[in-house]
N, C-alpha and C. Protein backbone atom coordinates (compact mmCIF):
# COMPACT_ATOMS: atom_id res chain seq x y z
N MET A 1 99.45 75.68 69.95
CA MET A 1 100.56 75.27 70.79
C MET A 1 100.01 74.79 72.12
N TYR A 2 100.46 73.65 72.55
CA TYR A 2 100.00 73.08 73.80
C TYR A 2 101.14 73.07 74.80
N HIS A 3 100.80 73.39 76.04
CA HIS A 3 101.78 73.32 77.12
C HIS A 3 101.41 72.14 78.00
N VAL A 4 102.36 71.32 78.27
CA VAL A 4 102.13 70.17 79.13
C VAL A 4 102.82 70.42 80.44
N TYR A 5 102.06 70.34 81.50
CA TYR A 5 102.62 70.52 82.84
C TYR A 5 102.67 69.17 83.52
N ILE A 6 103.84 68.74 83.86
CA ILE A 6 103.99 67.47 84.56
C ILE A 6 104.20 67.79 86.03
N MET A 7 103.29 67.33 86.84
CA MET A 7 103.35 67.61 88.26
C MET A 7 104.44 66.79 88.92
N PRO A 8 105.29 67.46 89.70
CA PRO A 8 106.30 66.69 90.42
C PRO A 8 105.63 65.73 91.39
N GLU A 9 106.38 64.78 91.85
CA GLU A 9 105.84 63.81 92.79
C GLU A 9 105.16 64.53 93.95
N SER A 10 104.00 64.08 94.31
CA SER A 10 103.27 64.73 95.40
C SER A 10 102.69 63.67 96.33
N ALA A 11 102.32 64.12 97.51
CA ALA A 11 101.72 63.24 98.50
C ALA A 11 100.28 63.67 98.72
N ILE A 12 99.47 62.73 99.12
CA ILE A 12 98.07 63.02 99.40
C ILE A 12 97.91 63.33 100.87
N LEU A 13 97.16 64.38 101.16
CA LEU A 13 96.87 64.80 102.53
C LEU A 13 95.36 64.95 102.65
N THR A 14 94.80 64.31 103.64
CA THR A 14 93.37 64.42 103.89
C THR A 14 93.17 65.25 105.15
N LEU A 15 92.28 66.22 105.08
CA LEU A 15 92.02 67.04 106.26
C LEU A 15 90.55 67.41 106.34
N ARG A 16 90.14 67.82 107.52
CA ARG A 16 88.75 68.22 107.74
C ARG A 16 88.70 69.74 107.80
N LEU A 17 87.71 70.31 107.12
CA LEU A 17 87.50 71.75 107.12
C LEU A 17 86.11 72.07 107.63
N ASP A 18 86.01 73.18 108.29
CA ASP A 18 84.72 73.73 108.66
C ASP A 18 83.93 73.96 107.37
N PRO A 19 82.63 73.65 107.33
CA PRO A 19 81.86 73.82 106.10
C PRO A 19 81.93 75.24 105.51
N LYS A 20 81.96 76.23 106.36
CA LYS A 20 82.04 77.62 105.87
C LYS A 20 83.37 77.85 105.15
N LEU A 21 84.47 77.35 105.73
CA LEU A 21 85.77 77.50 105.11
C LEU A 21 85.84 76.73 103.79
N LYS A 22 85.26 75.53 103.76
CA LYS A 22 85.23 74.75 102.53
C LYS A 22 84.49 75.50 101.43
N ASN A 23 83.37 76.12 101.78
CA ASN A 23 82.61 76.90 100.80
C ASN A 23 83.42 78.10 100.30
N GLN A 24 84.14 78.75 101.21
CA GLN A 24 84.99 79.87 100.80
C GLN A 24 86.09 79.39 99.85
N LEU A 25 86.68 78.26 100.18
CA LEU A 25 87.72 77.68 99.33
C LEU A 25 87.16 77.32 97.96
N ASP A 26 85.97 76.75 97.94
CA ASP A 26 85.33 76.40 96.67
C ASP A 26 85.08 77.65 95.82
N ARG A 27 84.57 78.71 96.44
CA ARG A 27 84.31 79.95 95.69
C ARG A 27 85.61 80.55 95.16
N LEU A 28 86.64 80.55 95.99
CA LEU A 28 87.92 81.11 95.58
C LEU A 28 88.52 80.30 94.43
N SER A 29 88.52 79.00 94.56
CA SER A 29 89.10 78.17 93.50
C SER A 29 88.33 78.32 92.19
N LYS A 30 87.03 78.45 92.29
CA LYS A 30 86.22 78.64 91.08
C LYS A 30 86.55 79.99 90.43
N SER A 31 86.68 81.04 91.24
CA SER A 31 86.98 82.36 90.68
C SER A 31 88.39 82.41 90.08
N MET A 32 89.28 81.57 90.58
CA MET A 32 90.65 81.52 90.06
C MET A 32 90.78 80.53 88.91
N ASN A 33 89.70 79.80 88.64
CA ASN A 33 89.71 78.76 87.62
C ASN A 33 90.79 77.72 87.92
N ARG A 34 90.89 77.36 89.20
CA ARG A 34 91.85 76.37 89.67
C ARG A 34 91.11 75.34 90.50
N SER A 35 91.72 74.22 90.70
CA SER A 35 91.09 73.19 91.52
C SER A 35 91.19 73.58 93.00
N ARG A 36 90.27 73.06 93.79
CA ARG A 36 90.30 73.27 95.23
C ARG A 36 91.63 72.79 95.80
N SER A 37 92.10 71.66 95.31
CA SER A 37 93.34 71.09 95.78
C SER A 37 94.53 72.01 95.49
N PHE A 38 94.56 72.60 94.29
CA PHE A 38 95.64 73.51 93.92
C PHE A 38 95.66 74.72 94.85
N VAL A 39 94.50 75.32 95.07
CA VAL A 39 94.42 76.52 95.90
C VAL A 39 94.80 76.20 97.34
N ALA A 40 94.32 75.07 97.86
CA ALA A 40 94.65 74.68 99.23
C ALA A 40 96.15 74.41 99.37
N ALA A 41 96.74 73.73 98.39
CA ALA A 41 98.18 73.44 98.45
C ALA A 41 98.99 74.73 98.39
N GLN A 42 98.55 75.67 97.57
CA GLN A 42 99.23 76.97 97.47
C GLN A 42 99.14 77.72 98.81
N ALA A 43 97.97 77.70 99.42
CA ALA A 43 97.78 78.38 100.71
C ALA A 43 98.65 77.74 101.79
N ILE A 44 98.71 76.43 101.81
CA ILE A 44 99.53 75.73 102.81
C ILE A 44 101.01 76.07 102.59
N GLN A 45 101.45 76.11 101.32
CA GLN A 45 102.84 76.44 101.02
C GLN A 45 103.20 77.84 101.54
N GLU A 46 102.33 78.80 101.30
CA GLU A 46 102.57 80.17 101.77
C GLU A 46 102.60 80.22 103.29
N TYR A 47 101.68 79.53 103.94
CA TYR A 47 101.62 79.50 105.40
C TYR A 47 102.90 78.91 105.99
N VAL A 48 103.34 77.80 105.42
CA VAL A 48 104.55 77.13 105.91
C VAL A 48 105.76 78.04 105.70
N SER A 49 105.87 78.65 104.54
CA SER A 49 107.01 79.53 104.25
C SER A 49 107.08 80.69 105.23
N VAL A 50 105.95 81.35 105.46
CA VAL A 50 105.93 82.50 106.37
C VAL A 50 106.30 82.06 107.79
N ASN A 51 105.75 80.96 108.23
CA ASN A 51 106.02 80.51 109.59
C ASN A 51 107.45 80.01 109.76
N GLU A 52 108.00 79.35 108.74
CA GLU A 52 109.41 78.95 108.80
C GLU A 52 110.31 80.18 108.93
N TRP A 53 110.00 81.22 108.13
CA TRP A 53 110.78 82.45 108.17
C TRP A 53 110.68 83.09 109.57
N GLN A 54 109.47 83.18 110.08
CA GLN A 54 109.25 83.81 111.38
C GLN A 54 109.98 83.06 112.49
N ILE A 55 109.91 81.75 112.49
CA ILE A 55 110.59 80.96 113.51
C ILE A 55 112.10 81.12 113.40
N ALA A 56 112.62 81.15 112.17
CA ALA A 56 114.06 81.35 111.98
C ALA A 56 114.49 82.71 112.52
N GLU A 57 113.70 83.75 112.28
CA GLU A 57 114.04 85.09 112.77
C GLU A 57 113.98 85.15 114.30
N ILE A 58 113.00 84.46 114.88
CA ILE A 58 112.91 84.42 116.35
C ILE A 58 114.14 83.73 116.93
N LYS A 59 114.52 82.61 116.34
CA LYS A 59 115.70 81.89 116.81
C LYS A 59 116.95 82.75 116.68
N LYS A 60 117.05 83.48 115.57
CA LYS A 60 118.18 84.36 115.36
C LYS A 60 118.21 85.45 116.44
N GLY A 61 117.05 86.02 116.73
CA GLY A 61 116.96 87.05 117.77
C GLY A 61 117.31 86.50 119.14
N LEU A 62 116.87 85.30 119.44
CA LEU A 62 117.20 84.68 120.73
C LEU A 62 118.70 84.41 120.84
N ALA A 63 119.31 83.98 119.74
CA ALA A 63 120.75 83.73 119.75
C ALA A 63 121.51 85.04 119.99
N GLU A 64 121.05 86.12 119.36
CA GLU A 64 121.67 87.43 119.57
C GLU A 64 121.52 87.87 121.02
N ALA A 65 120.34 87.66 121.58
CA ALA A 65 120.10 88.03 122.97
C ALA A 65 120.97 87.20 123.91
N ASP A 66 121.06 85.89 123.65
CA ASP A 66 121.91 85.02 124.47
C ASP A 66 123.37 85.45 124.41
N ALA A 67 123.78 86.01 123.26
CA ALA A 67 125.16 86.47 123.10
C ALA A 67 125.36 87.87 123.68
N GLY A 68 124.27 88.47 124.20
CA GLY A 68 124.37 89.81 124.77
C GLY A 68 124.40 90.91 123.73
N ASP A 69 123.97 90.60 122.53
CA ASP A 69 123.99 91.57 121.43
C ASP A 69 122.70 92.39 121.45
N PHE A 70 122.68 93.43 122.29
CA PHE A 70 121.52 94.29 122.45
C PHE A 70 121.82 95.68 121.91
N ALA A 71 120.78 96.39 121.54
CA ALA A 71 120.94 97.79 121.12
C ALA A 71 121.28 98.64 122.33
N THR A 72 122.08 99.66 122.09
CA THR A 72 122.40 100.59 123.17
C THR A 72 121.21 101.51 123.39
N GLU A 73 121.18 102.19 124.52
CA GLU A 73 120.11 103.15 124.81
C GLU A 73 120.07 104.22 123.72
N GLU A 74 121.22 104.65 123.25
CA GLU A 74 121.29 105.68 122.21
C GLU A 74 120.67 105.18 120.91
N GLU A 75 120.96 103.94 120.53
CA GLU A 75 120.39 103.37 119.30
C GLU A 75 118.87 103.26 119.40
N VAL A 76 118.38 102.86 120.56
CA VAL A 76 116.93 102.74 120.76
C VAL A 76 116.28 104.12 120.65
N GLN A 77 116.85 105.11 121.27
CA GLN A 77 116.30 106.47 121.22
C GLN A 77 116.30 107.02 119.80
N ARG A 78 117.36 106.74 119.05
CA ARG A 78 117.47 107.22 117.67
C ARG A 78 116.35 106.61 116.81
N VAL A 79 116.12 105.31 116.95
CA VAL A 79 115.06 104.65 116.18
C VAL A 79 113.69 105.15 116.62
N LEU A 80 113.51 105.30 117.92
CA LEU A 80 112.24 105.79 118.45
C LEU A 80 111.92 107.18 117.91
N LYS A 81 112.90 108.07 117.90
CA LYS A 81 112.69 109.42 117.37
C LYS A 81 112.37 109.36 115.88
N LYS A 82 113.05 108.51 115.15
CA LYS A 82 112.82 108.38 113.72
C LYS A 82 111.37 108.00 113.43
N TRP A 83 110.86 107.04 114.16
CA TRP A 83 109.50 106.55 113.87
C TRP A 83 108.43 107.44 114.49
N THR A 84 108.68 108.07 115.61
CA THR A 84 107.65 108.96 116.18
C THR A 84 107.57 110.25 115.38
N ARG A 85 108.68 110.69 114.79
CA ARG A 85 108.67 111.88 113.94
C ARG A 85 107.84 111.62 112.69
N ARG A 86 107.94 110.43 112.12
CA ARG A 86 107.16 110.08 110.91
C ARG A 86 105.68 109.95 111.20
N ALA A 87 105.34 109.59 112.41
CA ALA A 87 103.93 109.35 112.75
C ALA A 87 103.16 110.66 112.90
N ARG A 88 103.85 111.74 113.11
CA ARG A 88 103.16 113.03 113.32
C ARG A 88 102.65 113.60 112.09
């Protein structure tokens, strides 16, 4: 049984890497039995996803702050006690 994977439309991106990083990427892609391009694209996708999420959360927090939606002193103390108790 053969599986055929048809790659969706993609764009070409050329970039410069430090030789040490390129060697690390080569070793990783070889150990994963994947192409360097596949591993790099996967890494970029994960980086973009994490940063998009982080920026969205920051914007959400700023909007809450602008609206005056802050925790009360009691709420802060309750959370602080919860986490300092666990740390002991």
